[in-house]
Amino acid sequence: MTKSTMKKAVGTQTVPYDVANFLRTPEDMAAYLDAWLEEAPEDAAGIARALGDIARAKGMTQVAKDAGLSRESLYRALSADGNPSFATVLKVAKALGVRLHAAAT
């Protein structure tokens, strides 16, 4: 590696990955939620976070309004420490335009 290449490498900055930036279409959002439901069906917190990621991609303010929740309570419910009720999960899913799926195992 040359000195000029090393200088460029040292100046490289990274940014945190945010999946919400890549959930652009309703199909992307549904596929992301389906992946969580398929791969980690017992991970309630992970599924809630996935709904939160989708909500951030769509716009939390609008999703909260459509779900009949305050923006703050939506953030709290779908955070890593949140524990949303099933009723909240259903309201959010409807506001996001996604459906939960059931399948026999």
C-alpha atoms as a PDB file:
ATOM      1  CA  MET A   1       0.000   0.000   0.000  1.00  0.00           C
ATOM      2  CA  THR A   2       1.399   3.381  -0.944  1.00  0.00           C
ATOM      3  CA  LYS A   3       1.426   6.381   1.379  1.00  0.00           C
ATOM      4  CA  SER A   4      -1.284   8.135  -0.648  1.00  0.00           C
ATOM      5  CA  THR A   5      -3.496   5.024  -0.525  1.00  0.00           C
ATOM      6  CA  MET A   6      -2.952   4.772   3.233  1.00  0.00           C
ATOM      7  CA  LYS A   7      -3.927   8.421   3.685  1.00  0.00           C
ATOM      8  CA  LYS A   8      -7.174   7.823   1.789  1.00  0.00           C
ATOM      9  CA  ALA A   9      -7.940   4.705   3.819  1.00  0.00           C
ATOM     10  CA  VAL A  10      -7.374   6.524   7.096  1.00  0.00           C
ATOM     11  CA  GLY A  11      -9.824   9.251   6.065  1.00  0.00           C
ATOM     12  CA  THR A  12     -12.597   6.780   5.192  1.00  0.00           C
ATOM     13  CA  GLN A  13     -15.721   7.198   7.272  1.00  0.00           C
ATOM     14  CA  THR A  14     -18.450   4.682   7.821  1.00  0.00           C
ATOM     15  CA  VAL A  15     -22.065   5.211   8.715  1.00  0.00           C
ATOM     16  CA  PRO A  16     -24.317   2.859  10.668  1.00  0.00           C
ATOM     17  CA  TYR A  17     -26.414   0.517   8.539  1.00  0.00           C
ATOM     18  CA  ASP A  18     -30.126   1.276   8.714  1.00  0.00           C
ATOM     19  CA  VAL A  19     -32.378  -1.249   7.003  1.00  0.00           C
ATOM     20  CA  ALA A  20     -35.171   1.343   6.840  1.00  0.00           C
ATOM     21  CA  ASN A  21     -33.197   3.104   4.097  1.00  0.00           C
ATOM     22  CA  PHE A  22     -33.578   0.015   1.898  1.00  0.00           C
ATOM     23  CA  LEU A  23     -37.271  -0.701   2.445  1.00  0.00           C
ATOM     24  CA  ARG A  24     -38.564   1.298  -0.489  1.00  0.00           C
ATOM     25  CA  THR A  25     -41.563  -0.604  -1.808  1.00  0.00           C
ATOM     26  CA  PRO A  26     -44.502  -2.368  -0.155  1.00  0.00           C
ATOM     27  CA  GLU A  27     -43.061  -5.621  -1.517  1.00  0.00           C
ATOM     28  CA  ASP A  28     -39.693  -4.925   0.170  1.00  0.00           C
ATOM     29  CA  MET A  29     -41.472  -4.210   3.443  1.00  0.00           C
ATOM     30  CA  ALA A  30     -43.630  -7.341   3.280  1.00  0.00           C
ATOM     31  CA  ALA A  31     -40.635  -9.521   2.361  1.00  0.00           C
ATOM     32  CA  TYR A  32     -38.637  -8.105   5.285  1.00  0.00           C
ATOM     33  CA  LEU A  33     -41.433  -8.830   7.767  1.00  0.00           C
ATOM     34  CA  ASP A  34     -41.982 -12.295   6.262  1.00  0.00           C
ATOM     35  CA  ALA A  35     -38.271 -13.051   6.685  1.00  0.00           C
ATOM     36  CA  TRP A  36     -38.488 -12.185  10.392  1.00  0.00           C
ATOM     37  CA  LEU A  37     -41.633 -14.259  10.845  1.00  0.00           C
ATOM     38  CA  GLU A  38     -40.045 -17.213   9.030  1.00  0.00           C
ATOM     39  CA  GLU A  39     -36.560 -17.092  10.540  1.00  0.00           C
ATOM     40  CA  ALA A  40     -37.359 -16.020  14.105  1.00  0.00           C
ATOM     41  CA  PRO A  41     -41.040 -16.679  14.828  1.00  0.00           C
ATOM     42  CA  GLU A  42     -40.417 -16.787  18.595  1.00  0.00           C
ATOM     43  CA  ASP A  43     -38.525 -13.473  18.670  1.00  0.00           C
ATOM     44  CA  ALA A  44     -41.340 -11.080  19.577  1.00  0.00           C
ATOM     45  CA  ALA A  45     -38.915  -8.208  20.192  1.00  0.00           C
ATOM     46  CA  GLY A  46     -37.231  -8.764  16.823  1.00  0.00           C
ATOM     47  CA  ILE A  47     -40.547  -8.844  15.010  1.00  0.00           C
ATOM     48  CA  ALA A  48     -41.602  -5.636  16.788  1.00  0.00           C
ATOM     49  CA  ARG A  49     -38.282  -4.038  15.747  1.00  0.00           C
ATOM     50  CA  ALA A  50     -38.920  -5.181  12.155  1.00  0.00           C
ATOM     51  CA  LEU A  51     -42.297  -3.442  12.271  1.00  0.00           C
ATOM     52  CA  GLY A  52     -40.481  -0.391  13.641  1.00  0.00           C
ATOM     53  CA  ASP A  53     -37.983  -0.501  10.768  1.00  0.00           C
ATOM     54  CA  ILE A  54     -40.844  -0.612   8.276  1.00  0.00           C
ATOM     55  CA  ALA A  55     -42.650   2.187  10.100  1.00  0.00           C
ATOM     56  CA  ARG A  56     -39.527   4.374   9.955  1.00  0.00           C
ATOM     57  CA  ALA A  57     -39.217   3.631   6.231  1.00  0.00           C
ATOM     58  CA  LYS A  58     -42.823   4.750   5.659  1.00  0.00           C
ATOM     59  CA  GLY A  59     -42.685   7.648   8.096  1.00  0.00           C
ATOM     60  CA  MET A  60     -43.432   7.221  11.791  1.00  0.00           C
ATOM     61  CA  THR A  61     -45.733  10.210  12.020  1.00  0.00           C
ATOM     62  CA  GLN A  62     -48.051   8.929   9.289  1.00  0.00           C
ATOM     63  CA  VAL A  63     -47.978   5.340  10.556  1.00  0.00           C
ATOM     64  CA  ALA A  64     -48.806   6.497  14.087  1.00  0.00           C
ATOM     65  CA  LYS A  65     -51.711   8.547  12.765  1.00  0.00           C
ATOM     66  CA  ASP A  66     -53.007   5.653  10.641  1.00  0.00           C
ATOM     67  CA  ALA A  67     -52.698   3.269  13.605  1.00  0.00           C
ATOM     68  CA  GLY A  68     -54.452   5.680  15.974  1.00  0.00           C
ATOM     69  CA  LEU A  69     -51.403   5.992  18.229  1.00  0.00           C
ATOM     70  CA  SER A  70     -49.196   8.841  19.292  1.00  0.00           C
ATOM     71  CA  ARG A  71     -45.827   9.011  17.582  1.00  0.00           C
ATOM     72  CA  GLU A  72     -44.046   8.687  20.935  1.00  0.00           C
ATOM     73  CA  SER A  73     -46.004   5.582  21.969  1.00  0.00           C
ATOM     74  CA  LEU A  74     -45.333   4.011  18.577  1.00  0.00           C
ATOM     75  CA  TYR A  75     -41.578   4.620  18.925  1.00  0.00           C
ATOM     76  CA  ARG A  76     -41.670   3.223  22.465  1.00  0.00           C
ATOM     77  CA  ALA A  77     -43.705   0.135  21.519  1.00  0.00           C
ATOM     78  CA  LEU A  78     -41.495  -0.756  18.552  1.00  0.00           C
ATOM     79  CA  SER A  79     -38.141  -0.003  20.177  1.00  0.00           C
ATOM     80  CA  ALA A  80     -35.621  -2.666  21.208  1.00  0.00           C
ATOM     81  CA  ASP A  81     -37.006  -2.464  24.768  1.00  0.00           C
ATOM     82  CA  GLY A  82     -40.640  -2.195  23.712  1.00  0.00           C
ATOM     83  CA  ASN A  83     -43.242  -4.823  24.405  1.00  0.00           C
ATOM     84  CA  PRO A  84     -46.256  -3.929  22.260  1.00  0.00           C
ATOM     85  CA  SER A  85     -49.602  -5.568  22.864  1.00  0.00           C
ATOM     86  CA  PHE A  86     -50.891  -7.830  20.125  1.00  0.00           C
ATOM     87  CA  ALA A  87     -53.603  -5.248  19.454  1.00  0.00           C
ATOM     88  CA  THR A  88     -50.874  -2.645  18.810  1.00  0.00           C
ATOM     89  CA  VAL A  89     -49.034  -5.041  16.499  1.00  0.00           C
ATOM     90  CA  LEU A  90     -52.234  -5.591  14.505  1.00  0.00           C
ATOM     91  CA  LYS A  91     -52.964  -1.842  14.301  1.00  0.00           C
ATOM     92  CA  VAL A  92     -49.416  -1.122  13.136  1.00  0.00           C
ATOM     93  CA  ALA A  93     -49.462  -3.934  10.574  1.00  0.00           C
ATOM     94  CA  LYS A  94     -52.723  -2.590   9.144  1.00  0.00           C
ATOM     95  CA  ALA A  95     -51.335   0.971   9.073  1.00  0.00           C
ATOM     96  CA  LEU A  96     -48.250  -0.332   7.258  1.00  0.00           C
ATOM     97  CA  GLY A  97     -50.320  -2.220   4.715  1.00  0.00           C
ATOM     98  CA  VAL A  98     -48.832  -5.607   5.627  1.00  0.00           C
ATOM     99  CA  ARG A  99     -50.420  -8.789   6.918  1.00  0.00           C
ATOM    100  CA  LEU A 100     -49.072 -11.384   9.301  1.00  0.00           C
ATOM    101  CA  HIS A 101     -49.087 -14.912   7.857  1.00  0.00           C
ATOM    102  CA  ALA A 102     -49.853 -18.250   9.422  1.00  0.00           C
ATOM    103  CA  ALA A 103     -48.624 -21.575   8.108  1.00  0.00           C
ATOM    104  CA  ALA A 104     -48.617 -25.110   9.452  1.00  0.00           C
ATOM    105  CA  THR A 105     -45.246 -26.316  10.684  1.00  0.00           C
END
